[in-house]
C-alpha atoms as a PDB file:
ATOM      1  CA  MET A   1     -41.717-159.538  81.483  1.00  0.00           C
ATOM      2  CA  LEU A   2     -38.341-161.315  81.275  1.00  0.00           C
ATOM      3  CA  LYS A   3     -38.198-160.736  77.514  1.00  0.00           C
ATOM      4  CA  SER A   4     -38.611-157.025  78.009  1.00  0.00           C
ATOM      5  CA  LEU A   5     -35.946-157.035  80.736  1.00  0.00           C
ATOM      6  CA  PHE A   6     -33.287-158.507  78.408  1.00  0.00           C
ATOM      7  CA  ASN A   7     -34.040-156.067  75.703  1.00  0.00           C
ATOM      8  CA  TRP A   8     -30.869-154.639  74.198  1.00  0.00           C
ATOM      9  CA  LYS A   9     -31.923-151.104  74.974  1.00  0.00           C
ATOM     10  CA  VAL A  10     -32.375-151.837  78.653  1.00  0.00           C
ATOM     11  CA  LEU A  11     -29.023-153.564  78.803  1.00  0.00           C
ATOM     12  CA  LEU A  12     -27.357-150.690  77.072  1.00  0.00           C
ATOM     13  CA  ASN A  13     -28.773-148.188  79.534  1.00  0.00           C
ATOM     14  CA  LEU A  14     -27.696-150.392  82.452  1.00  0.00           C
ATOM     15  CA  VAL A  15     -24.153-150.661  81.120  1.00  0.00           C
ATOM     16  CA  LEU A  16     -23.991-146.893  80.593  1.00  0.00           C
ATOM     17  CA  ALA A  17     -25.209-146.199  84.153  1.00  0.00           C
ATOM     18  CA  ILE A  18     -22.593-148.575  85.612  1.00  0.00           C
ATOM     19  CA  GLY A  19     -19.892-146.926  83.517  1.00  0.00           C
ATOM     20  CA  VAL A  20     -20.883-143.446  84.638  1.00  0.00           C
ATOM     21  CA  PHE A  21     -20.860-144.544  88.337  1.00  0.00           C
ATOM     22  CA  VAL A  22     -17.443-146.173  88.105  1.00  0.00           C
ATOM     23  CA  GLY A  23     -16.095-143.069  86.342  1.00  0.00           C
ATOM     24  CA  LEU A  24     -17.379-140.760  89.044  1.00  0.00           C
ATOM     25  CA  VAL A  25     -15.865-142.910  91.831  1.00  0.00           C
ATOM     26  CA  TYR A  26     -12.493-142.951  90.052  1.00  0.00           C
ATOM     27  CA  LEU A  27     -12.510-139.232  89.487  1.00  0.00           C
ATOM     28  CA  THR A  28     -13.448-138.611  93.135  1.00  0.00           C
ATOM     29  CA  PHE A  29     -10.541-140.634  94.492  1.00  0.00           C
ATOM     30  CA  ARG A  30      -8.151-139.007  92.082  1.00  0.00           C
ATOM     31  CA  TRP A  31      -9.286-135.585  93.167  1.00  0.00           C
ATOM     32  CA  LEU A  32      -8.863-136.571  96.820  1.00  0.00           C
ATOM     33  CA  GLU A  33      -5.403-137.976  96.160  1.00  0.00           C
ATOM     34  CA  TYR A  34      -4.413-134.801  94.410  1.00  0.00           C
ATOM     35  CA  HIS A  35      -5.932-132.548  97.069  1.00  0.00           C
ATOM     36  CA  THR A  36      -4.443-134.396 100.067  1.00  0.00           C
ATOM     37  CA  ASN A  37      -1.105-135.055  98.378  1.00  0.00           C
ATOM     38  CA  HIS A  38      -1.607-138.750  98.921  1.00  0.00           C
ATOM     39  CA  GLY A  39       1.685-140.652  98.687  1.00  0.00           C
ATOM     40  CA  GLN A  40       3.733-137.426  98.925  1.00  0.00           C
ATOM     41  CA  GLU A  41       5.452-137.403 102.345  1.00  0.00           C
ATOM     42  CA  VAL A  42       8.512-135.497 103.519  1.00  0.00           C
ATOM     43  CA  PRO A  43      10.737-136.147 106.509  1.00  0.00           C
ATOM     44  CA  VAL A  44      10.612-133.698 109.460  1.00  0.00           C
ATOM     45  CA  PRO A  45      13.958-131.840 109.529  1.00  0.00           C
ATOM     46  CA  ASN A  46      15.930-131.753 112.797  1.00  0.00           C
ATOM     47  CA  VAL A  47      15.642-128.213 114.154  1.00  0.00           C
ATOM     48  CA  MET A  48      16.327-129.046 117.794  1.00  0.00           C
ATOM     49  CA  ASN A  49      18.498-126.517 119.740  1.00  0.00           C
ATOM     50  CA  LYS A  50      18.357-124.105 116.824  1.00  0.00           C
ATOM     51  CA  SER A  51      17.000-120.566 117.092  1.00  0.00           C
ATOM     52  CA  VAL A  52      13.371-120.196 116.241  1.00  0.00           C
ATOM     53  CA  HIS A  53      14.238-117.990 113.219  1.00  0.00           C
ATOM     54  CA  ASP A  54      16.528-120.668 111.744  1.00  0.00           C
ATOM     55  CA  ALA A  55      14.024-123.400 112.470  1.00  0.00           C
ATOM     56  CA  VAL A  56      11.186-121.560 110.702  1.00  0.00           C
ATOM     57  CA  LYS A  57      13.324-121.030 107.641  1.00  0.00           C
ATOM     58  CA  ILE A  58      14.230-124.709 107.411  1.00  0.00           C
ATOM     59  CA  LEU A  59      10.642-125.769 107.757  1.00  0.00           C
ATOM     60  CA  GLU A  60       9.442-123.359 105.085  1.00  0.00           C
ATOM     61  CA  ASP A  61      12.095-124.647 102.663  1.00  0.00           C
ATOM     62  CA  ALA A  62      10.890-128.194 103.256  1.00  0.00           C
ATOM     63  CA  GLY A  63       7.321-127.260 102.456  1.00  0.00           C
ATOM     64  CA  LEU A  64       6.091-127.603 106.026  1.00  0.00           C
ATOM     65  CA  ASP A  65       4.057-125.226 108.134  1.00  0.00           C
ATOM     66  CA  TYR A  66       4.860-124.479 111.772  1.00  0.00           C
ATOM     67  CA  GLU A  67       3.237-123.447 115.110  1.00  0.00           C
ATOM     68  CA  VAL A  68       5.361-121.764 117.810  1.00  0.00           C
ATOM     69  CA  ASP A  69       4.572-122.152 121.466  1.00  0.00           C
ATOM     70  CA  SER A  70       6.657-120.860 124.437  1.00  0.00           C
ATOM     71  CA  ALA A  71       7.475-122.953 127.459  1.00  0.00           C
ATOM     72  CA  ALA A  72       8.433-121.767 130.933  1.00  0.00           C
ATOM     73  CA  TYR A  73      11.618-119.761 130.821  1.00  0.00           C
ATOM     74  CA  ASN A  74      14.697-121.784 131.623  1.00  0.00           C
ATOM     75  CA  PRO A  75      17.969-119.836 132.105  1.00  0.00           C
ATOM     76  CA  LYS A  76      19.987-122.907 131.166  1.00  0.00           C
ATOM     77  CA  TYR A  77      19.050-122.429 127.479  1.00  0.00           C
ATOM     78  CA  ARG A  78      19.406-119.549 125.109  1.00  0.00           C
ATOM     79  CA  PRO A  79      16.470-117.236 124.543  1.00  0.00           C
ATOM     80  CA  LEU A  80      14.258-118.330 121.583  1.00  0.00           C
ATOM     81  CA  GLN A  81      15.986-121.729 121.425  1.00  0.00           C
ATOM     82  CA  VAL A  82      13.935-124.640 120.119  1.00  0.00           C
ATOM     83  CA  LEU A  83      13.507-127.130 123.005  1.00  0.00           C
ATOM     84  CA  LYS A  84      11.036-129.592 121.516  1.00  0.00           C
ATOM     85  CA  VAL A  85       9.647-130.579 118.032  1.00  0.00           C
ATOM     86  CA  TYR A  86       6.445-132.483 117.332  1.00  0.00           C
ATOM     87  CA  PRO A  87       6.306-134.716 115.336  1.00  0.00           C
ATOM     88  CA  SER A  88       9.874-135.761 116.236  1.00  0.00           C
ATOM     89  CA  PRO A  89      12.661-135.124 113.741  1.00  0.00           C
ATOM     90  CA  GLY A  90      12.902-137.873 111.091  1.00  0.00           C
ATOM     91  CA  SER A  91       9.187-138.643 111.030  1.00  0.00           C
ATOM     92  CA  ARG A  92       7.573-138.561 107.568  1.00  0.00           C
ATOM     93  CA  VAL A  93       4.563-136.252 107.233  1.00  0.00           C
ATOM     94  CA  LYS A  94       2.532-134.917 104.377  1.00  0.00           C
ATOM     95  CA  ASP A  95       3.606-131.836 102.579  1.00  0.00           C
ATOM     96  CA  GLY A  96       2.184-128.749 104.295  1.00  0.00           C
ATOM     97  CA  ARG A  97       1.808-130.430 107.698  1.00  0.00           C
ATOM     98  CA  ALA A  98       2.133-128.013 110.643  1.00  0.00           C
ATOM     99  CA  ILE A  99       5.121-128.767 112.897  1.00  0.00           C
ATOM    100  CA  GLN A 100       4.857-127.667 116.526  1.00  0.00           C
ATOM    101  CA  LEU A 101       7.905-125.963 117.986  1.00  0.00           C
ATOM    102  CA  MET A 102       8.389-125.492 121.764  1.00  0.00           C
ATOM    103  CA  VAL A 103      10.668-122.467 122.193  1.00  0.00           C
ATOM    104  CA  ASN A 104      12.422-121.019 125.275  1.00  0.00           C
ATOM    105  CA  PRO A 105      11.124-117.437 125.781  1.00  0.00           C
ATOM    106  CA  LYS A 106      13.329-114.400 125.995  1.00  0.00           C
ATOM    107  CA  SER A 107      12.831-113.957 129.743  1.00  0.00           C
ATOM    108  CA  TRP A 108      10.575-114.927 132.578  1.00  0.00           C
ATOM    109  CA  ALA A 109       6.840-114.693 132.211  1.00  0.00           C
ATOM    110  CA  PRO A 110       5.525-111.239 133.295  1.00  0.00           C
ATOM    111  CA  VAL A 111       3.826-110.933 136.672  1.00  0.00           C
ATOM    112  CA  ALA A 112       1.439-108.293 137.980  1.00  0.00           C
ATOM    113  CA  ILE A 113       2.536-105.848 140.691  1.00  0.00           C
ATOM    114  CA  PRO A 114       0.428-106.667 143.845  1.00  0.00           C
ATOM    115  CA  ASP A 115      -1.605-103.956 145.483  1.00  0.00           C
ATOM    116  CA  VAL A 116       0.545-103.271 148.592  1.00  0.00           C
ATOM    117  CA  ILE A 117       0.191 -99.447 148.667  1.00  0.00           C
ATOM    118  CA  ASN A 118      -0.568 -98.195 152.227  1.00  0.00           C
ATOM    119  CA  LYS A 119       0.081-101.691 153.531  1.00  0.00           C
ATOM    120  CA  TYR A 120       2.530-102.627 156.279  1.00  0.00           C
ATOM    121  CA  SER A 121       6.031-102.972 154.810  1.00  0.00           C
ATOM    122  CA  GLY A 122       6.687-106.430 156.225  1.00  0.00           C
ATOM    123  CA  LEU A 123       3.546-107.837 154.626  1.00  0.00           C
ATOM    124  CA  ALA A 124       4.313-105.986 151.363  1.00  0.00           C
ATOM    125  CA  PHE A 125       7.742-107.550 151.045  1.00  0.00           C
ATOM    126  CA  GLN A 126       6.225-111.013 151.495  1.00  0.00           C
ATOM    127  CA  ARG A 127       3.638-110.374 148.760  1.00  0.00           C
ATOM    128  CA  LEU A 128       6.301-109.131 146.348  1.00  0.00           C
ATOM    129  CA  GLU A 129       8.435-112.212 146.936  1.00  0.00           C
ATOM    130  CA  GLN A 130       5.441-114.525 146.477  1.00  0.00           C
ATOM    131  CA  VAL A 131       4.830-113.263 142.945  1.00  0.00           C
ATOM    132  CA  GLY A 132       8.512-113.555 142.066  1.00  0.00           C
ATOM    133  CA  LEU A 133       9.767-109.968 142.457  1.00  0.00           C
ATOM    134  CA  LYS A 134      12.890-108.984 144.374  1.00  0.00           C
ATOM    135  CA  VAL A 135      13.230-105.815 146.576  1.00  0.00           C
ATOM    136  CA  SER A 136      16.465-104.045 145.584  1.00  0.00           C
ATOM    137  CA  ASP A 137      16.389-100.976 147.871  1.00  0.00           C
ATOM    138  CA  THR A 138      14.158 -99.653 150.682  1.00  0.00           C
ATOM    139  CA  ILE A 139      13.803 -95.835 150.590  1.00  0.00           C
ATOM    140  CA  TYR A 140      12.444 -94.109 153.731  1.00  0.00           C
ATOM    141  CA  GLU A 141      10.454 -90.905 153.272  1.00  0.00           C
ATOM    142  CA  PRO A 142       8.788 -88.667 155.903  1.00  0.00           C
ATOM    143  CA  SER A 143       5.127 -89.560 156.186  1.00  0.00           C
ATOM    144  CA  ILE A 144       2.430 -89.862 158.801  1.00  0.00           C
ATOM    145  CA  GLN A 145       2.002 -93.481 157.659  1.00  0.00           C
ATOM    146  CA  LYS A 146       4.940 -94.950 159.472  1.00  0.00           C
ATOM    147  CA  ASP A 147       6.222 -98.338 158.133  1.00  0.00           C
ATOM    148  CA  ALA A 148       3.628 -98.230 155.310  1.00  0.00           C
ATOM    149  CA  VAL A 149       4.467 -98.645 151.608  1.00  0.00           C
ATOM    150  CA  LEU A 150       4.009 -95.341 149.793  1.00  0.00           C
ATOM    151  CA  ARG A 151       5.255 -96.173 146.271  1.00  0.00           C
ATOM    152  CA  ILE A 152       6.900 -98.958 144.263  1.00  0.00           C
ATOM    153  CA  LEU A 153       9.573 -97.991 141.810  1.00  0.00           C
ATOM    154  CA  PHE A 154      10.681 -99.997 138.764  1.00  0.00           C
ATOM    155  CA  LYS A 155      13.788 -98.698 137.022  1.00  0.00           C
ATOM    156  CA  GLY A 156      13.441 -95.472 138.992  1.00  0.00           C
ATOM    157  CA  ASN A 157       9.820 -94.738 137.920  1.00  0.00           C
ATOM    158  CA  PRO A 158       6.642 -95.233 139.999  1.00  0.00           C
ATOM    159  CA  ILE A 159       4.635 -98.191 138.905  1.00  0.00           C
ATOM    160  CA  LYS A 160       0.942 -98.837 139.608  1.00  0.00           C
ATOM    161  CA  PRO A 161      -0.477-102.056 141.094  1.00  0.00           C
ATOM    162  CA  GLY A 162      -1.547-104.495 138.401  1.00  0.00           C
ATOM    163  CA  THR A 163       1.159-103.452 135.932  1.00  0.00           C
ATOM    164  CA  LYS A 164       2.985-106.502 134.547  1.00  0.00           C
ATOM    165  CA  ILE A 165       6.771-106.696 134.581  1.00  0.00           C
ATOM    166  CA  PRO A 166       9.158-109.639 134.003  1.00  0.00           C
ATOM    167  CA  ARG A 167       9.391-112.079 136.814  1.00  0.00           C
ATOM    168  CA  PHE A 168      12.427-111.786 139.177  1.00  0.00           C
ATOM    169  CA  SER A 169      12.718-108.068 138.323  1.00  0.00           C
ATOM    170  CA  LEU A 170      14.257-105.732 140.893  1.00  0.00           C
ATOM    171  CA  VAL A 171      11.966-103.108 142.390  1.00  0.00           C
ATOM    172  CA  ASP A 172      12.495-100.320 144.956  1.00  0.00           C
ATOM    173  CA  VAL A 173      10.030 -99.758 147.792  1.00  0.00           C
ATOM    174  CA  VAL A 174       9.389 -96.316 149.329  1.00  0.00           C
ATOM    175  CA  VAL A 175       8.363 -96.669 153.005  1.00  0.00           C
ATOM    176  CA  GLY A 176       7.070 -93.980 155.387  1.00  0.00           C
ATOM    177  CA  SER A 177       9.489 -93.107 158.181  1.00  0.00           C
ATOM    178  CA  GLY A 178       6.880 -91.300 160.314  1.00  0.00           C
ATOM    179  CA  PRO A 179       6.023 -87.603 160.637  1.00  0.00           C
ATOM    180  CA  LEU A 180       8.545 -84.869 161.321  1.00  0.00           C
ATOM    181  CA  ARG A 181       8.389 -83.209 164.697  1.00  0.00           C
ATOM    182  CA  ASN A 182       8.238 -79.480 165.554  1.00  0.00           C
ATOM    183  CA  ILE A 183       7.986 -77.928 162.122  1.00  0.00           C
ATOM    184  CA  SER A 184       6.419 -74.631 161.114  1.00  0.00           C
ATOM    185  CA  VAL A 185       2.854 -74.527 159.845  1.00  0.00           C
ATOM    186  CA  PRO A 186       2.696 -73.110 156.281  1.00  0.00           C
ATOM    187  CA  ASN A 187       0.783 -69.883 155.520  1.00  0.00           C
ATOM    188  CA  VAL A 188      -2.211 -70.407 153.250  1.00  0.00           C
ATOM    189  CA  VAL A 189      -4.135 -67.197 153.978  1.00  0.00           C
ATOM    190  CA  GLY A 190      -4.794 -65.363 150.713  1.00  0.00           C
ATOM    191  CA  LEU A 191      -4.713 -68.509 148.595  1.00  0.00           C
ATOM    192  CA  THR A 192      -7.657 -70.254 147.096  1.00  0.00           C
ATOM    193  CA  VAL A 193      -8.965 -73.382 148.757  1.00  0.00           C
ATOM    194  CA  LYS A 194      -7.567 -75.516 145.913  1.00  0.00           C
ATOM    195  CA  GLU A 195      -4.115 -73.947 146.257  1.00  0.00           C
ATOM    196  CA  ALA A 196      -4.248 -74.259 150.045  1.00  0.00           C
ATOM    197  CA  LYS A 197      -4.982 -77.988 149.798  1.00  0.00           C
ATOM    198  CA  MET A 198      -1.899 -78.495 147.620  1.00  0.00           C
ATOM    199  CA  VAL A 199       0.340 -76.532 150.024  1.00  0.00           C
ATOM    200  CA  ILE A 200      -0.992 -78.483 153.032  1.00  0.00           C
ATOM    201  CA  ALA A 201      -0.457 -81.812 151.307  1.00  0.00           C
ATOM    202  CA  ARG A 202       3.043 -80.839 150.134  1.00  0.00           C
ATOM    203  CA  ASN A 203       4.041 -80.047 153.706  1.00  0.00           C
ATOM    204  CA  LEU A 204       2.560 -83.371 154.925  1.00  0.00           C
ATOM    205  CA  PHE A 205      -0.180 -81.831 156.987  1.00  0.00           C
ATOM    206  CA  GLU A 206      -3.802 -82.937 156.970  1.00  0.00           C
ATOM    207  CA  LEU A 207      -6.745 -80.817 155.756  1.00  0.00           C
ATOM    208  CA  GLY A 208      -9.259 -80.302 158.499  1.00  0.00           C
ATOM    209  CA  SER A 209     -12.656 -78.661 158.162  1.00  0.00           C
ATOM    210  CA  VAL A 210     -13.193 -76.010 155.408  1.00  0.00           C
ATOM    211  CA  ASN A 211     -15.759 -73.405 156.513  1.00  0.00           C
ATOM    212  CA  HIS A 212     -17.214 -71.452 153.578  1.00  0.00           C
ATOM    213  CA  GLU A 213     -18.877 -68.149 154.431  1.00  0.00           C
ATOM    214  CA  ASP A 214     -21.769 -68.796 152.020  1.00  0.00           C
ATOM    215  CA  ALA A 215     -22.113 -72.454 153.122  1.00  0.00           C
ATOM    216  CA  GLY A 216     -20.987 -73.476 149.656  1.00  0.00           C
ATOM    217  CA  ASN A 217     -18.228 -75.779 148.468  1.00  0.00           C
ATOM    218  CA  ASP A 218     -16.308 -73.702 145.948  1.00  0.00           C
ATOM    219  CA  ASP A 219     -12.588 -74.407 145.796  1.00  0.00           C
ATOM    220  CA  SER A 220     -12.036 -71.000 144.243  1.00  0.00           C
ATOM    221  CA  ASP A 221     -12.981 -69.219 147.511  1.00  0.00           C
ATOM    222  CA  ILE A 222     -10.125 -67.276 149.155  1.00  0.00           C
ATOM    223  CA  VAL A 223      -8.816 -68.434 152.549  1.00  0.00           C
ATOM    224  CA  TYR A 224      -9.017 -65.596 155.046  1.00  0.00           C
ATOM    225  CA  TYR A 225      -8.291 -67.544 158.257  1.00  0.00           C
ATOM    226  CA  GLN A 226      -6.549 -70.706 159.329  1.00  0.00           C
ATOM    227  CA  ASP A 227      -6.052 -72.580 162.592  1.00  0.00           C
ATOM    228  CA  PRO A 228      -3.377 -73.255 163.686  1.00  0.00           C
ATOM    229  CA  ALA A 229      -1.787 -70.007 162.545  1.00  0.00           C
ATOM    230  CA  SER A 230       1.109 -69.868 160.124  1.00  0.00           C
ATOM    231  CA  GLY A 231       4.447 -70.154 161.919  1.00  0.00           C
ATOM    232  CA  ASP A 232       3.083 -72.231 164.826  1.00  0.00           C
ATOM    233  CA  ILE A 233       5.156 -75.330 165.613  1.00  0.00           C
ATOM    234  CA  ARG A 234       3.308 -78.562 165.047  1.00  0.00           C
ATOM    235  CA  ASP A 235       3.986 -82.135 164.093  1.00  0.00           C
ATOM    236  CA  GLN A 236       3.430 -83.338 160.527  1.00  0.00           C
ATOM    237  CA  GLY A 237       0.051 -84.949 160.188  1.00  0.00           C
ATOM    238  CA  MET A 238      -1.798 -82.402 162.250  1.00  0.00           C
ATOM    239  CA  GLN A 239      -5.046 -80.994 160.792  1.00  0.00           C
ATOM    240  CA  ILE A 240      -5.317 -77.374 159.564  1.00  0.00           C
ATOM    241  CA  ASP A 241      -8.819 -75.882 159.549  1.00  0.00           C
ATOM    242  CA  LEU A 242      -9.660 -73.228 156.917  1.00  0.00           C
ATOM    243  CA  TRP A 243     -12.192 -70.423 156.631  1.00  0.00           C
ATOM    244  CA  ALA A 244     -12.910 -69.248 153.098  1.00  0.00           C
ATOM    245  CA  SER A 245     -15.011 -66.674 151.398  1.00  0.00           C
ATOM    246  CA  LYS A 246     -15.503 -64.819 148.131  1.00  0.00           C
ATOM    247  CA  LYS A 247     -14.209 -61.712 149.844  1.00  0.00           C
ATOM    248  CA  THR A 248     -10.579 -60.890 150.533  1.00  0.00           C
ATOM    249  CA  PRO A 249      -9.065 -61.078 154.054  1.00  0.00           C
ATOM    250  CA  ALA A 250      -8.950 -57.225 154.196  1.00  0.00           C
ATOM    251  CA  GLU A 251     -12.703 -57.082 153.732  1.00  0.00           C
ATOM    252  CA  LEU A 252     -13.280 -59.535 156.567  1.00  0.00           C
ATOM    253  CA  ARG A 253     -11.335 -57.817 159.327  1.00  0.00           C
ATOM    254  CA  GLY A 254     -14.198 -57.998 161.783  1.00  0.00           C
ATOM    255  CA  LYS A 255     -14.693 -61.685 161.222  1.00  0.00           C
ATOM    256  CA  ILE A 256     -10.972 -62.309 161.599  1.00  0.00           C
ATOM    257  CA  ASP A 257     -10.908 -60.430 164.971  1.00  0.00           C
ATOM    258  CA  GLU A 258     -13.815 -62.502 166.145  1.00  0.00           C
ATOM    259  CA  LEU A 259     -11.994 -65.716 165.228  1.00  0.00           C
ATOM    260  CA  ASN A 260      -8.844 -64.435 166.897  1.00  0.00           C
ATOM    261  CA  SER A 261     -10.754 -64.012 170.148  1.00  0.00           C
ATOM    262  CA  ILE A 262     -11.728 -67.649 169.948  1.00  0.00           C
ATOM    263  CA  TYR A 263      -8.634 -69.421 168.557  1.00  0.00           C
ATOM    264  CA  ARG A 264      -5.785 -67.121 169.554  1.00  0.00           C
ATOM    265  CA  MET A 265      -4.849 -67.034 173.246  1.00  0.00           C
ATOM    266  CA  LYS A 266      -3.758 -63.559 174.367  1.00  0.00           C
ATOM    267  CA  VAL A 267      -0.795 -63.252 176.774  1.00  0.00           C
ATOM    268  CA  ASP A 268      -0.877 -60.294 179.280  1.00  0.00           C
ATOM    269  CA  THR A 269       2.632 -58.893 179.266  1.00  0.00           C
ATOM    270  CA  THR A 270       1.874 -56.224 181.941  1.00  0.00           C
ATOM    271  CA  LEU A 271       1.981 -58.716 184.766  1.00  0.00           C
ATOM    272  CA  PRO A 272       5.311 -59.217 186.525  1.00  0.00           C
ATOM    273  CA  PRO A 273       7.060 -62.419 185.712  1.00  0.00           C
ATOM    274  CA  ILE A 274       6.622 -65.256 188.113  1.00  0.00           C
ATOM    275  CA  ARG A 275       9.638 -65.872 190.303  1.00  0.00           C
ATOM    276  CA  TYR A 276      10.384 -69.316 191.468  1.00  0.00           C
ATOM    277  CA  GLU A 277      12.424 -69.772 194.681  1.00  0.00           C
ATOM    278  CA  GLU A 278      14.301 -72.852 195.491  1.00  0.00           C
ATOM    279  CA  VAL A 279      13.193 -74.736 198.576  1.00  0.00           C
ATOM    280  CA  PRO A 280      16.187 -75.746 200.727  1.00  0.00           C
ATOM    281  CA  TYR A 281      16.702 -79.433 200.793  1.00  0.00           C
ATOM    282  CA  VAL A 282      16.493 -80.974 204.243  1.00  0.00           C
ATOM    283  CA  HIS A 283      18.526 -84.103 204.771  1.00  0.00           C
ATOM    284  CA  GLU A 284      16.677 -86.818 206.532  1.00  0.00           C
ATOM    285  CA  PRO A 285      18.247 -87.987 209.792  1.00  0.00           C
ATOM    286  CA  VAL A 286      20.347 -91.083 209.585  1.00  0.00           C
ATOM    287  CA  PHE A 287      19.949 -93.502 212.460  1.00  0.00           C
ATOM    288  CA  THR A 288      22.951 -95.588 213.414  1.00  0.00           C
ATOM    289  CA  GLU A 289      23.003 -98.493 215.826  1.00  0.00           C
ATOM    290  CA  PRO A 290      24.548 -97.735 219.213  1.00  0.00           C
ATOM    291  CA  ALA A 291      27.946 -99.200 219.961  1.00  0.00           C
ATOM    292  CA  PRO A 292      27.806-102.331 222.167  1.00  0.00           C
ATOM    293  CA  ILE A 293      28.706-101.685 225.861  1.00  0.00           C
ATOM    294  CA  VAL A 294      31.809-103.556 226.964  1.00  0.00           C
ATOM    295  CA  PRO A 295      31.667-104.531 230.669  1.00  0.00           C
ATOM    296  CA  GLN A 296      34.591-103.191 232.749  1.00  0.00           C
ATOM    297  CA  LYS A 297      36.702-105.500 234.906  1.00  0.00           C
ATOM    298  CA  LYS A 298      36.493-104.944 238.679  1.00  0.00           C
ATOM    299  CA  GLU A 299      39.841-104.430 240.493  1.00  0.00           C
ATOM    300  CA  MET A 300      40.550-106.254 243.724  1.00  0.00           C
ATOM    301  CA  PRO A 301      41.793-104.164 246.711  1.00  0.00           C
ATOM    302  CA  LYS A 302      45.494-104.281 247.247  1.00  0.00           C
ATOM    303  CA  GLN A 303      47.122-105.139 250.620  1.00  0.00           C
ATOM    304  CA  GLU A 304      49.621-102.817 252.110  1.00  0.00           C
ATOM    305  CA  PRO A 305      52.993-104.393 252.664  1.00  0.00           C
ATOM    306  CA  ALA A 306      54.108-104.899 256.269  1.00  0.00           C
ATOM    307  CA  LYS A 307      56.772-102.632 257.736  1.00  0.00           C
ATOM    308  CA  SER A 308      60.228-104.036 258.291  1.00  0.00           C
ATOM    309  CA  GLY A 309      61.071-105.082 261.855  1.00  0.00           C
ATOM    310  CA  THR A 310      57.564-105.814 262.867  1.00  0.00           C
ATOM    311  CA  SER A 311      55.523-108.914 262.619  1.00  0.00           C
ATOM    312  CA  ALA A 312      51.975-108.420 261.762  1.00  0.00           C
ATOM    313  CA  THR A 313      49.247-110.639 260.824  1.00  0.00           C
ATOM    314  CA  LYS A 314      46.658-109.612 258.400  1.00  0.00           C
ATOM    315  CA  THR A 315      43.150-110.816 258.477  1.00  0.00           C
ATOM    316  CA  PRO A 316      41.720-111.799 255.191  1.00  0.00           C
ATOM    317  CA  ALA A 317      39.606-109.141 253.603  1.00  0.00           C
ATOM    318  CA  GLU A 318      35.975-109.780 253.030  1.00  0.00           C
ATOM    319  CA  LYS A 319      34.661-109.985 249.522  1.00  0.00           C
ATOM    320  CA  PRO A 320      32.415-107.111 248.615  1.00  0.00           C
ATOM    321  CA  LYS A 321      28.858-107.990 247.901  1.00  0.00           C
ATOM    322  CA  ALA A 322      27.632-107.779 244.310  1.00  0.00           C
ATOM    323  CA  ASP A 323      24.995-105.245 245.084  1.00  0.00           C
ATOM    324  CA  ALA A 324      27.126-103.124 247.419  1.00  0.00           C
ATOM    325  CA  THR A 325      27.772 -99.602 246.446  1.00  0.00           C
ATOM    326  CA  PRO A 326      31.241 -98.089 246.164  1.00  0.00           C
ATOM    327  CA  ALA A 327      30.695 -96.260 249.451  1.00  0.00           C
ATOM    328  CA  ALA A 328      29.824 -99.424 251.257  1.00  0.00           C
ATOM    329  CA  GLN A 329      32.867-101.088 249.768  1.00  0.00           C
ATOM    330  CA  THR A 330      35.053 -98.292 251.143  1.00  0.00           C
ATOM    331  CA  GLN A 331      33.624 -98.736 254.640  1.00  0.00           C
ATOM    332  CA  ASP A 332      33.998-102.491 254.672  1.00  0.00           C
ATOM    333  CA  LYS A 333      37.598-102.283 253.609  1.00  0.00           C
ATOM    334  CA  PRO A 334      39.773-103.821 256.361  1.00  0.00           C
ATOM    335  CA  LYS A 335      42.398-101.661 258.044  1.00  0.00           C
ATOM    336  CA  ALA A 336      45.859-102.832 258.969  1.00  0.00           C
ATOM    337  CA  LYS A 337      46.440-103.198 262.712  1.00  0.00           C
ATOM    338  CA  LYS A 338      49.653-102.192 264.396  1.00  0.00           C
ATOM    339  CA  VAL A 339      51.315-104.440 266.982  1.00  0.00           C
ATOM    340  CA  ILE A 340      53.312-102.576 269.593  1.00  0.00           C
ATOM    341  CA  ASN A 341      56.218-104.441 271.084  1.00  0.00           C
END
């Protein structure tokens, strides 16, 4: 057994097998070294603060690949300026390694226009500011939707909700100022229903009921009657009812007269006009407080002076009683007595 193991043929085959294995391992590592550029490293060039076009050219000349990513826009830096490099400049990397460049974008990231159509203007302004848009001008336009947003304009053109524009862009908002008062109703008799709808909408009125003679729903029918009538004074936003048919208004004279008897009020001009007389205005009596009564002072009776050359004595007069009448006072008045010498 051992003798056959150490036979020269067996040993020769064993040596050949080992040689082939070692050769394959050597060739494999050499191939990997060549494929991965083992031992061939290049320094990362410094492309900080350069424009992305210059940075890409420098990296390509150095045999390096690149990946460009944009950061949040910063107005302090130039558009497309390289803000960050990974791996950092000076690091040694293999030839063909991809270098990541963080670049400042040209402008702010785009934002979508919020859906604020037909919403209250105060709420719409808040929504626009929340997404980073600024309202430049507020334009008021007659509409039955008072204080509601009708349209949003970007650079003078209407823009639909969901459209993306750069952040912090200026937009104009069209707001309804309310309906106009006391305007004339347009005439749509003789037009098709489709044309009448356009005229009504253009004059900011509302379409009411559309009565088709054949109970259909064909917009090509001709309008032969409308209520209110053309020329009537109404406010914008009022409804206009239509009657339509395949026939022309001239062919439906009887139907029109019937509708006039229902929707048109006749005024009898044979009656005399009503005269209104003014009722005289009666002033209400004004009551004033009576003036206070001032009590009068009572005068005392005067004594007659005595005649010269005579001596007379006068008896004192009696005081009149408080409840005595003027007549009684006259009777009780003392008389002067004469003394005869």
